[in-house]
């Protein structure tokens, strides 16, 4: 059983993009090294909108990431930087990630809005467009285990 997490953030002004990009990069680096991370993908959408989809061994692993390191430091800043923020989680049998249109449908039907200081008119109602999938997406994989043991034959 795997926990899938999807987030959607819209940065409210170009002014906040450099800080957001830096925080996002630090969080992505943290992500690849945390125990329980099974894989993910990131999508840069139009209108300063950013999507993440991640697979976890369980909710405890996802919470350890969310509540620690760079991610914990950047989360409070999203209140100021973003005018839309939504998240959804679900459990499924495998860690296979959905395609973005299906993630969007789940976000609209099951997602929860997060608090932002300057919400857009569409924030509370989740009236936002389906993500446009293009060249600005990337897969994120766990870092290789450096302590893996090599089997020796005798």
C-alpha atoms as a PDB file:
ATOM      1  CA  UNK A   1       0.000   0.000   0.000  1.00  0.00           C
ATOM      2  CA  UNK A   2       1.329   3.459  -0.905  1.00  0.00           C
ATOM      3  CA  UNK A   3       0.249   6.980  -0.002  1.00  0.00           C
ATOM      4  CA  UNK A   4      -0.018   9.354  -2.967  1.00  0.00           C
ATOM      5  CA  UNK A   5       0.142  13.088  -2.316  1.00  0.00           C
ATOM      6  CA  UNK A   6      -0.665  15.827  -4.838  1.00  0.00           C
ATOM      7  CA  UNK A   7      -0.176  19.538  -4.248  1.00  0.00           C
ATOM      8  CA  UNK A   8      -0.986  22.545  -6.402  1.00  0.00           C
ATOM      9  CA  UNK A   9       0.455  25.979  -5.625  1.00  0.00           C
ATOM     10  CA  UNK A  10      -0.006  29.201  -7.558  1.00  0.00           C
ATOM     11  CA  UNK A  11       2.526  31.927  -6.825  1.00  0.00           C
ATOM     12  CA  UNK A  12       0.643  35.205  -6.716  1.00  0.00           C
ATOM     13  CA  UNK A  13       3.318  37.473  -8.195  1.00  0.00           C
ATOM     14  CA  UNK A  14       6.444  37.246 -10.335  1.00  0.00           C
ATOM     15  CA  UNK A  15       8.137  39.041  -7.445  1.00  0.00           C
ATOM     16  CA  UNK A  16       7.973  35.859  -5.321  1.00  0.00           C
ATOM     17  CA  UNK A  17       9.142  33.434  -8.026  1.00  0.00           C
ATOM     18  CA  UNK A  18      12.907  33.566  -7.257  1.00  0.00           C
ATOM     19  CA  UNK A  19      12.291  32.784  -3.572  1.00  0.00           C
ATOM     20  CA  UNK A  20       9.749  30.109  -4.468  1.00  0.00           C
ATOM     21  CA  UNK A  21      12.130  28.456  -6.968  1.00  0.00           C
ATOM     22  CA  UNK A  22      14.933  28.374  -4.409  1.00  0.00           C
ATOM     23  CA  UNK A  23      12.679  26.914  -1.702  1.00  0.00           C
ATOM     24  CA  UNK A  24      11.319  24.384  -4.183  1.00  0.00           C
ATOM     25  CA  UNK A  25      14.813  23.267  -5.200  1.00  0.00           C
ATOM     26  CA  UNK A  26      15.905  22.805  -1.589  1.00  0.00           C
ATOM     27  CA  UNK A  27      12.725  20.862  -0.825  1.00  0.00           C
ATOM     28  CA  UNK A  28      13.222  18.656  -3.899  1.00  0.00           C
ATOM     29  CA  UNK A  29      16.773  17.835  -2.785  1.00  0.00           C
ATOM     30  CA  UNK A  30      15.472  16.948   0.676  1.00  0.00           C
ATOM     31  CA  UNK A  31      12.761  14.819  -0.905  1.00  0.00           C
ATOM     32  CA  UNK A  32      15.152  12.513  -2.738  1.00  0.00           C
ATOM     33  CA  UNK A  33      17.048  11.656   0.447  1.00  0.00           C
ATOM     34  CA  UNK A  34      14.225  11.044   2.911  1.00  0.00           C
ATOM     35  CA  UNK A  35      13.326   7.539   3.997  1.00  0.00           C
ATOM     36  CA  UNK A  36       9.986   6.301   2.685  1.00  0.00           C
ATOM     37  CA  UNK A  37       9.953   8.385  -0.517  1.00  0.00           C
ATOM     38  CA  UNK A  38       9.110   6.088  -3.439  1.00  0.00           C
ATOM     39  CA  UNK A  39       9.079   8.542  -6.355  1.00  0.00           C
ATOM     40  CA  UNK A  40       7.415  11.624  -7.678  1.00  0.00           C
ATOM     41  CA  UNK A  41       7.032  14.184 -10.385  1.00  0.00           C
ATOM     42  CA  UNK A  42       6.917  17.954 -10.629  1.00  0.00           C
ATOM     43  CA  UNK A  43       5.057  20.086 -13.156  1.00  0.00           C
ATOM     44  CA  UNK A  44       5.493  23.769 -13.919  1.00  0.00           C
ATOM     45  CA  UNK A  45       2.132  24.867 -15.285  1.00  0.00           C
ATOM     46  CA  UNK A  46       0.974  28.160 -16.768  1.00  0.00           C
ATOM     47  CA  UNK A  47       0.201  31.272 -14.705  1.00  0.00           C
ATOM     48  CA  UNK A  48       2.910  30.629 -12.068  1.00  0.00           C
ATOM     49  CA  UNK A  49       1.273  27.326 -11.029  1.00  0.00           C
ATOM     50  CA  UNK A  50       3.280  24.365  -9.718  1.00  0.00           C
ATOM     51  CA  UNK A  51       2.118  20.785  -9.162  1.00  0.00           C
ATOM     52  CA  UNK A  52       3.794  17.966  -7.262  1.00  0.00           C
ATOM     53  CA  UNK A  53       2.813  14.317  -7.080  1.00  0.00           C
ATOM     54  CA  UNK A  54       4.687  12.003  -4.721  1.00  0.00           C
ATOM     55  CA  UNK A  55       4.430   8.392  -3.609  1.00  0.00           C
ATOM     56  CA  UNK A  56       5.295   7.341  -0.036  1.00  0.00           C
ATOM     57  CA  UNK A  57       5.585   4.105   1.880  1.00  0.00           C
ATOM     58  CA  UNK A  58       3.055   5.507   4.338  1.00  0.00           C
ATOM     59  CA  UNK A  59       1.645   8.685   5.842  1.00  0.00           C
ATOM     60  CA  UNK A  60       4.345   8.794   8.542  1.00  0.00           C
ATOM     61  CA  UNK A  61       7.074   9.045   5.877  1.00  0.00           C
ATOM     62  CA  UNK A  62       5.213  11.868   4.083  1.00  0.00           C
ATOM     63  CA  UNK A  63       4.715  13.736   7.362  1.00  0.00           C
ATOM     64  CA  UNK A  64       8.404  13.352   8.276  1.00  0.00           C
ATOM     65  CA  UNK A  65       9.286  15.083   5.008  1.00  0.00           C
ATOM     66  CA  UNK A  66       6.601  17.744   5.336  1.00  0.00           C
ATOM     67  CA  UNK A  67       7.506  18.582   8.922  1.00  0.00           C
ATOM     68  CA  UNK A  68      11.301  18.641   8.588  1.00  0.00           C
ATOM     69  CA  UNK A  69      14.244  20.260   6.854  1.00  0.00           C
ATOM     70  CA  UNK A  70      13.921  22.699   3.978  1.00  0.00           C
ATOM     71  CA  UNK A  71      10.256  21.862   3.399  1.00  0.00           C
ATOM     72  CA  UNK A  72       9.330  22.877   6.933  1.00  0.00           C
ATOM     73  CA  UNK A  73      11.213  26.168   6.547  1.00  0.00           C
ATOM     74  CA  UNK A  74       9.514  27.102   3.289  1.00  0.00           C
ATOM     75  CA  UNK A  75       5.925  26.106   4.152  1.00  0.00           C
ATOM     76  CA  UNK A  76       5.093  29.214   6.254  1.00  0.00           C
ATOM     77  CA  UNK A  77       6.281  31.465   3.413  1.00  0.00           C
ATOM     78  CA  UNK A  78       3.679  29.985   1.091  1.00  0.00           C
ATOM     79  CA  UNK A  79       1.023  31.905   3.015  1.00  0.00           C
ATOM     80  CA  UNK A  80       2.513  35.106   1.597  1.00  0.00           C
ATOM     81  CA  UNK A  81       3.804  33.830  -1.750  1.00  0.00           C
ATOM     82  CA  UNK A  82       0.720  31.954  -2.973  1.00  0.00           C
ATOM     83  CA  UNK A  83      -2.843  32.945  -3.754  1.00  0.00           C
ATOM     84  CA  UNK A  84      -3.975  29.348  -4.355  1.00  0.00           C
ATOM     85  CA  UNK A  85      -2.890  26.209  -2.539  1.00  0.00           C
ATOM     86  CA  UNK A  86      -4.585  22.808  -2.563  1.00  0.00           C
ATOM     87  CA  UNK A  87      -3.596  19.317  -1.508  1.00  0.00           C
ATOM     88  CA  UNK A  88      -5.024  15.821  -1.659  1.00  0.00           C
ATOM     89  CA  UNK A  89      -3.837  12.406  -0.450  1.00  0.00           C
ATOM     90  CA  UNK A  90      -5.062   8.871  -0.962  1.00  0.00           C
ATOM     91  CA  UNK A  91      -3.892   5.304  -0.450  1.00  0.00           C
ATOM     92  CA  UNK A  92      -3.560   2.859  -3.310  1.00  0.00           C
ATOM     93  CA  UNK A  93      -2.142  -0.620  -3.832  1.00  0.00           C
ATOM     94  CA  UNK A  94       0.927   0.440  -5.833  1.00  0.00           C
ATOM     95  CA  UNK A  95       3.248   3.453  -5.925  1.00  0.00           C
ATOM     96  CA  UNK A  96       2.422   4.063  -9.600  1.00  0.00           C
ATOM     97  CA  UNK A  97       1.723   7.760 -10.132  1.00  0.00           C
ATOM     98  CA  UNK A  98      -1.369   8.896 -12.015  1.00  0.00           C
ATOM     99  CA  UNK A  99      -1.251  11.062 -15.096  1.00  0.00           C
ATOM    100  CA  UNK A 100      -1.770  14.789 -14.517  1.00  0.00           C
ATOM    101  CA  UNK A 101      -5.373  14.949 -15.851  1.00  0.00           C
ATOM    102  CA  UNK A 102      -6.420  12.229 -13.372  1.00  0.00           C
ATOM    103  CA  UNK A 103      -4.539  13.983 -10.539  1.00  0.00           C
ATOM    104  CA  UNK A 104      -6.443  17.154 -11.454  1.00  0.00           C
ATOM    105  CA  UNK A 105      -9.784  15.334 -11.270  1.00  0.00           C
ATOM    106  CA  UNK A 106      -8.889  13.991  -7.831  1.00  0.00           C
ATOM    107  CA  UNK A 107      -7.774  17.444  -6.705  1.00  0.00           C
ATOM    108  CA  UNK A 108     -11.070  18.997  -7.783  1.00  0.00           C
ATOM    109  CA  UNK A 109     -13.218  16.275  -6.201  1.00  0.00           C
ATOM    110  CA  UNK A 110     -11.199  15.454  -3.049  1.00  0.00           C
ATOM    111  CA  UNK A 111      -8.659  18.243  -2.566  1.00  0.00           C
ATOM    112  CA  UNK A 112      -8.554  20.571   0.387  1.00  0.00           C
ATOM    113  CA  UNK A 113      -7.628  24.224   0.175  1.00  0.00           C
ATOM    114  CA  UNK A 114      -4.773  25.430   2.352  1.00  0.00           C
ATOM    115  CA  UNK A 115      -4.669  28.794   4.025  1.00  0.00           C
ATOM    116  CA  UNK A 116      -3.114  31.673   2.057  1.00  0.00           C
ATOM    117  CA  UNK A 117      -3.030  35.338   3.088  1.00  0.00           C
ATOM    118  CA  UNK A 118      -4.232  36.738  -0.249  1.00  0.00           C
ATOM    119  CA  UNK A 119      -6.537  34.141  -1.815  1.00  0.00           C
ATOM    120  CA  UNK A 120      -7.579  34.486  -5.440  1.00  0.00           C
ATOM    121  CA  UNK A 121     -11.305  34.564  -6.233  1.00  0.00           C
ATOM    122  CA  UNK A 122     -11.036  30.899  -7.327  1.00  0.00           C
ATOM    123  CA  UNK A 123      -9.086  29.618  -4.332  1.00  0.00           C
ATOM    124  CA  UNK A 124     -11.946  28.455  -2.105  1.00  0.00           C
ATOM    125  CA  UNK A 125     -13.985  26.978  -4.960  1.00  0.00           C
ATOM    126  CA  UNK A 126     -11.044  25.215  -6.651  1.00  0.00           C
ATOM    127  CA  UNK A 127     -12.104  26.701  -9.981  1.00  0.00           C
ATOM    128  CA  UNK A 128      -8.796  26.330 -11.766  1.00  0.00           C
ATOM    129  CA  UNK A 129      -7.869  24.824 -15.120  1.00  0.00           C
ATOM    130  CA  UNK A 130      -6.556  21.345 -15.744  1.00  0.00           C
ATOM    131  CA  UNK A 131      -2.766  21.350 -15.811  1.00  0.00           C
ATOM    132  CA  UNK A 132      -1.108  21.733 -19.186  1.00  0.00           C
ATOM    133  CA  UNK A 133       1.454  18.981 -19.466  1.00  0.00           C
ATOM    134  CA  UNK A 134       4.491  19.954 -21.468  1.00  0.00           C
ATOM    135  CA  UNK A 135       8.240  20.162 -21.414  1.00  0.00           C
ATOM    136  CA  UNK A 136       8.381  21.695 -17.951  1.00  0.00           C
ATOM    137  CA  UNK A 137       7.858  18.539 -15.982  1.00  0.00           C
ATOM    138  CA  UNK A 138      10.329  16.154 -14.434  1.00  0.00           C
ATOM    139  CA  UNK A 139      10.406  12.892 -12.572  1.00  0.00           C
ATOM    140  CA  UNK A 140      11.981  12.737  -9.127  1.00  0.00           C
ATOM    141  CA  UNK A 141      13.452   9.486  -7.854  1.00  0.00           C
ATOM    142  CA  UNK A 142      14.871   8.534  -4.463  1.00  0.00           C
ATOM    143  CA  UNK A 143      18.642   8.948  -4.213  1.00  0.00           C
ATOM    144  CA  UNK A 144      20.568   5.675  -4.533  1.00  0.00           C
ATOM    145  CA  UNK A 145      21.258   4.006  -1.219  1.00  0.00           C
ATOM    146  CA  UNK A 146      24.966   4.465  -0.503  1.00  0.00           C
ATOM    147  CA  UNK A 147      24.893   1.850   2.227  1.00  0.00           C
ATOM    148  CA  UNK A 148      23.577  -0.967   0.049  1.00  0.00           C
ATOM    149  CA  UNK A 149      25.359  -4.243   0.749  1.00  0.00           C
ATOM    150  CA  UNK A 150      26.883  -6.160  -2.115  1.00  0.00           C
ATOM    151  CA  UNK A 151      26.444  -9.936  -2.039  1.00  0.00           C
ATOM    152  CA  UNK A 152      29.713 -11.885  -2.253  1.00  0.00           C
ATOM    153  CA  UNK A 153      29.931 -15.458  -3.428  1.00  0.00           C
ATOM    154  CA  UNK A 154      32.135 -17.864  -1.468  1.00  0.00           C
END
